[in-house]
Protein backbone atom coordinates (compact mmCIF):
# COMPACT_ATOMS: atom_id res chain seq x y z
CA MET A 1 0.83 0.12 0.14
CA GLY A 2 3.28 2.88 0.75
CA GLU A 3 4.02 4.65 3.15
CA ILE A 4 1.03 5.44 5.86
CA ARG A 5 1.21 9.23 4.72
CA ASP A 6 0.58 8.26 0.83
CA VAL A 7 -2.41 6.23 2.79
CA GLN A 8 -3.68 9.23 3.97
CA ASN A 9 -2.90 11.95 1.08
CA GLU A 10 -4.54 9.43 -0.87
CA ILE A 11 -7.47 9.12 1.19
CA LYS A 12 -8.36 12.14 2.02
CA GLU A 13 -9.14 13.21 -1.91
CA TYR A 14 -12.36 11.13 -0.89
CA LEU A 15 -13.22 12.54 2.21
CA PRO A 16 -15.26 15.66 2.24
CA ASP A 17 -12.97 19.12 4.00
CA ASP A 18 -14.33 18.22 7.27
CA CYS A 19 -13.67 15.27 7.25
CA LYS A 20 -10.28 14.71 6.67
CA ASP A 21 -8.45 15.04 9.74
CA ILE A 22 -9.18 12.31 10.90
CA VAL A 23 -7.41 10.61 8.36
CA GLU A 24 -4.07 11.56 10.80
CA SER A 25 -5.52 8.42 12.73
CA LEU A 26 -5.25 6.34 10.78
CA GLU A 27 -2.05 3.16 11.30
CA TYR A 28 -1.01 1.12 9.86
CA ARG A 29 -1.30 -2.06 12.84
CA TYR A 30 -0.87 -4.96 11.03
CA ASP A 31 2.01 -6.21 9.47
CA ASP A 32 1.08 -9.41 9.05
CA ALA A 33 -2.57 -10.71 8.99
CA ASP A 34 -3.65 -12.94 10.45
CA ILE A 35 -6.56 -13.72 9.10
CA GLU A 36 -8.25 -16.02 12.81
CA ASP A 37 -6.98 -12.02 14.04
CA ILE A 38 -9.77 -9.88 11.94
CA LEU A 39 -12.21 -11.85 11.84
CA GLU A 40 -12.25 -12.24 16.09
CA GLU A 41 -11.76 -8.37 15.74
CA ILE A 42 -14.25 -8.17 13.29
CA LYS A 43 -17.00 -9.91 15.45
CA GLU A 44 -15.78 -8.09 18.93
CA LEU A 45 -16.62 -5.27 16.26
CA ASP A 46 -19.75 -6.33 15.79
CA GLU A 47 -21.07 -7.19 18.93
CA GLU A 48 -20.90 -4.21 20.39
CA MET A 49 -22.35 -2.43 17.99
CA GLU A 50 -25.62 -4.54 18.95
CA VAL A 51 -25.47 -2.85 22.42
């Protein structure tokens, strides 16, 4: 994907001006993503959204 700064700048191109600052919070979280970890995180997020 490239350096995080490059990714952030590209994402900003698709956002309205008043939302662009949130992109600064993005960071790489997975060097070698393990599908089981990702699925577990999605499941936890879904459970939080149900509350």
